[in-house]
Amino acid sequence: MVLAIVLGAVAGAVGFLPLFGGLQLAKRATATSNLSHAAALLLSALVSLIVLGGALAACVIFARDLLLPFALAEAAALVVIAVVYTVKKMVRK
């Protein structure tokens, strides 16, 4: 079960990477292009959900009995990394 939790945390961290990339792309968009901001952020959210869903699907296929700890660790890691990143950005400004 510990391995499922560790792999879930890793999958949650990898699921945050598209969101981080989308935020960087949105920052580079011109100030008058609202569609570019929205498209970058929505596309990154979609890719993040695909990564997280793919990891959950792999867990269902290979170890169905460990799905709950894997999914909870994945969600917790994603939320914790997002909160830490946001607080770090707010404190730095």
C-alpha atoms as a PDB file:
ATOM      1  CA  MET A   1       0.000   0.000   0.000  1.00  0.00           C
ATOM      2  CA  VAL A   2       2.930   2.347   0.633  1.00  0.00           C
ATOM      3  CA  LEU A   3       4.022   1.910  -2.972  1.00  0.00           C
ATOM      4  CA  ALA A   4       0.531   2.881  -4.169  1.00  0.00           C
ATOM      5  CA  ILE A   5       0.634   6.043  -2.056  1.00  0.00           C
ATOM      6  CA  VAL A   6       4.089   6.999  -3.317  1.00  0.00           C
ATOM      7  CA  LEU A   7       3.119   6.335  -6.940  1.00  0.00           C
ATOM      8  CA  GLY A   8      -0.096   8.302  -6.440  1.00  0.00           C
ATOM      9  CA  ALA A   9       1.863  11.258  -5.081  1.00  0.00           C
ATOM     10  CA  VAL A  10       4.217  11.094  -8.055  1.00  0.00           C
ATOM     11  CA  ALA A  11       1.261  10.941 -10.456  1.00  0.00           C
ATOM     12  CA  GLY A  12      -0.280  13.979  -8.728  1.00  0.00           C
ATOM     13  CA  ALA A  13       2.983  15.900  -9.077  1.00  0.00           C
ATOM     14  CA  VAL A  14       3.215  14.964 -12.759  1.00  0.00           C
ATOM     15  CA  GLY A  15      -0.419  16.043 -13.148  1.00  0.00           C
ATOM     16  CA  PHE A  16       0.522  19.526 -11.956  1.00  0.00           C
ATOM     17  CA  LEU A  17       3.203  20.003 -14.622  1.00  0.00           C
ATOM     18  CA  PRO A  18       0.731  20.739 -17.478  1.00  0.00           C
ATOM     19  CA  LEU A  19      -0.988  23.316 -15.271  1.00  0.00           C
ATOM     20  CA  PHE A  20       2.343  24.981 -14.572  1.00  0.00           C
ATOM     21  CA  GLY A  21       3.185  24.964 -18.291  1.00  0.00           C
ATOM     22  CA  GLY A  22      -0.198  26.427 -19.191  1.00  0.00           C
ATOM     23  CA  LEU A  23       0.275  29.207 -16.676  1.00  0.00           C
ATOM     24  CA  GLN A  24       3.647  30.047 -18.192  1.00  0.00           C
ATOM     25  CA  LEU A  25       2.094  30.110 -21.682  1.00  0.00           C
ATOM     26  CA  ALA A  26      -0.721  32.347 -20.466  1.00  0.00           C
ATOM     27  CA  LYS A  27       1.798  34.784 -18.986  1.00  0.00           C
ATOM     28  CA  ARG A  28       3.526  35.082 -22.386  1.00  0.00           C
ATOM     29  CA  ALA A  29       0.300  35.873 -24.250  1.00  0.00           C
ATOM     30  CA  THR A  30      -0.353  39.467 -25.199  1.00  0.00           C
ATOM     31  CA  ALA A  31      -2.506  41.542 -22.898  1.00  0.00           C
ATOM     32  CA  THR A  32      -5.178  42.076 -25.568  1.00  0.00           C
ATOM     33  CA  SER A  33      -5.568  38.399 -26.404  1.00  0.00           C
ATOM     34  CA  ASN A  34      -8.041  36.946 -23.917  1.00  0.00           C
ATOM     35  CA  LEU A  35      -8.602  33.894 -26.086  1.00  0.00           C
ATOM     36  CA  SER A  36      -4.916  32.961 -25.888  1.00  0.00           C
ATOM     37  CA  HIS A  37      -5.006  33.101 -22.084  1.00  0.00           C
ATOM     38  CA  ALA A  38      -8.132  30.989 -21.889  1.00  0.00           C
ATOM     39  CA  ALA A  39      -6.998  28.493 -24.505  1.00  0.00           C
ATOM     40  CA  ALA A  40      -3.646  27.912 -22.801  1.00  0.00           C
ATOM     41  CA  LEU A  41      -5.213  27.425 -19.390  1.00  0.00           C
ATOM     42  CA  LEU A  42      -8.081  25.226 -20.598  1.00  0.00           C
ATOM     43  CA  LEU A  43      -5.765  23.077 -22.701  1.00  0.00           C
ATOM     44  CA  SER A  44      -3.408  22.629 -19.765  1.00  0.00           C
ATOM     45  CA  ALA A  45      -6.319  21.656 -17.509  1.00  0.00           C
ATOM     46  CA  LEU A  46      -7.445  19.098 -20.093  1.00  0.00           C
ATOM     47  CA  VAL A  47      -3.951  17.607 -20.386  1.00  0.00           C
ATOM     48  CA  SER A  48      -3.678  17.499 -16.604  1.00  0.00           C
ATOM     49  CA  LEU A  49      -6.983  15.633 -16.326  1.00  0.00           C
ATOM     50  CA  ILE A  50      -5.852  13.197 -19.027  1.00  0.00           C
ATOM     51  CA  VAL A  51      -2.617  12.513 -17.145  1.00  0.00           C
ATOM     52  CA  LEU A  52      -4.435  12.003 -13.849  1.00  0.00           C
ATOM     53  CA  GLY A  53      -7.165   9.897 -15.436  1.00  0.00           C
ATOM     54  CA  GLY A  54      -4.623   7.778 -17.277  1.00  0.00           C
ATOM     55  CA  ALA A  55      -2.772   7.087 -14.046  1.00  0.00           C
ATOM     56  CA  LEU A  56      -6.048   6.111 -12.362  1.00  0.00           C
ATOM     57  CA  ALA A  57      -6.969   3.862 -15.282  1.00  0.00           C
ATOM     58  CA  ALA A  58      -3.579   2.163 -15.070  1.00  0.00           C
ATOM     59  CA  CYS A  59      -4.119   1.618 -11.356  1.00  0.00           C
ATOM     60  CA  VAL A  60      -7.536   0.074 -12.038  1.00  0.00           C
ATOM     61  CA  ILE A  61      -6.043  -2.274 -14.615  1.00  0.00           C
ATOM     62  CA  PHE A  62      -2.987  -3.362 -12.635  1.00  0.00           C
ATOM     63  CA  ALA A  63      -3.995  -3.084  -8.961  1.00  0.00           C
ATOM     64  CA  ARG A  64      -7.698  -2.499  -8.424  1.00  0.00           C
ATOM     65  CA  ASP A  65      -7.453  -3.190  -4.693  1.00  0.00           C
ATOM     66  CA  LEU A  66      -5.032  -0.254  -4.248  1.00  0.00           C
ATOM     67  CA  LEU A  67      -7.160   2.273  -6.116  1.00  0.00           C
ATOM     68  CA  LEU A  68      -8.402   4.217  -3.080  1.00  0.00           C
ATOM     69  CA  PRO A  69      -4.983   5.000  -1.544  1.00  0.00           C
ATOM     70  CA  PHE A  70      -3.581   5.749  -5.005  1.00  0.00           C
ATOM     71  CA  ALA A  71      -6.406   8.137  -5.884  1.00  0.00           C
ATOM     72  CA  LEU A  72      -6.327   9.905  -2.524  1.00  0.00           C
ATOM     73  CA  ALA A  73      -2.551  10.347  -2.681  1.00  0.00           C
ATOM     74  CA  GLU A  74      -2.820  11.608  -6.255  1.00  0.00           C
ATOM     75  CA  ALA A  75      -5.467  14.182  -5.373  1.00  0.00           C
ATOM     76  CA  ALA A  76      -3.703  15.257  -2.183  1.00  0.00           C
ATOM     77  CA  ALA A  77      -0.376  15.701  -3.963  1.00  0.00           C
ATOM     78  CA  LEU A  78      -1.981  17.775  -6.720  1.00  0.00           C
ATOM     79  CA  VAL A  79      -3.747  20.034  -4.229  1.00  0.00           C
ATOM     80  CA  VAL A  80      -0.722  20.429  -1.942  1.00  0.00           C
ATOM     81  CA  ILE A  81       1.621  21.253  -4.819  1.00  0.00           C
ATOM     82  CA  ALA A  82      -0.854  23.776  -6.247  1.00  0.00           C
ATOM     83  CA  VAL A  83      -1.328  25.459  -2.860  1.00  0.00           C
ATOM     84  CA  VAL A  84       2.404  25.581  -2.137  1.00  0.00           C
ATOM     85  CA  TYR A  85       3.088  27.026  -5.596  1.00  0.00           C
ATOM     86  CA  THR A  86       0.375  29.673  -5.186  1.00  0.00           C
ATOM     87  CA  VAL A  87       1.465  30.710  -1.693  1.00  0.00           C
ATOM     88  CA  LYS A  88       5.094  30.843  -2.833  1.00  0.00           C
ATOM     89  CA  LYS A  89       4.143  33.119  -5.737  1.00  0.00           C
ATOM     90  CA  MET A  90       2.051  35.370  -3.475  1.00  0.00           C
ATOM     91  CA  VAL A  91       4.764  35.715  -0.837  1.00  0.00           C
ATOM     92  CA  ARG A  92       7.423  36.473  -3.425  1.00  0.00           C
ATOM     93  CA  LYS A  93       5.445  39.450  -4.771  1.00  0.00           C
END
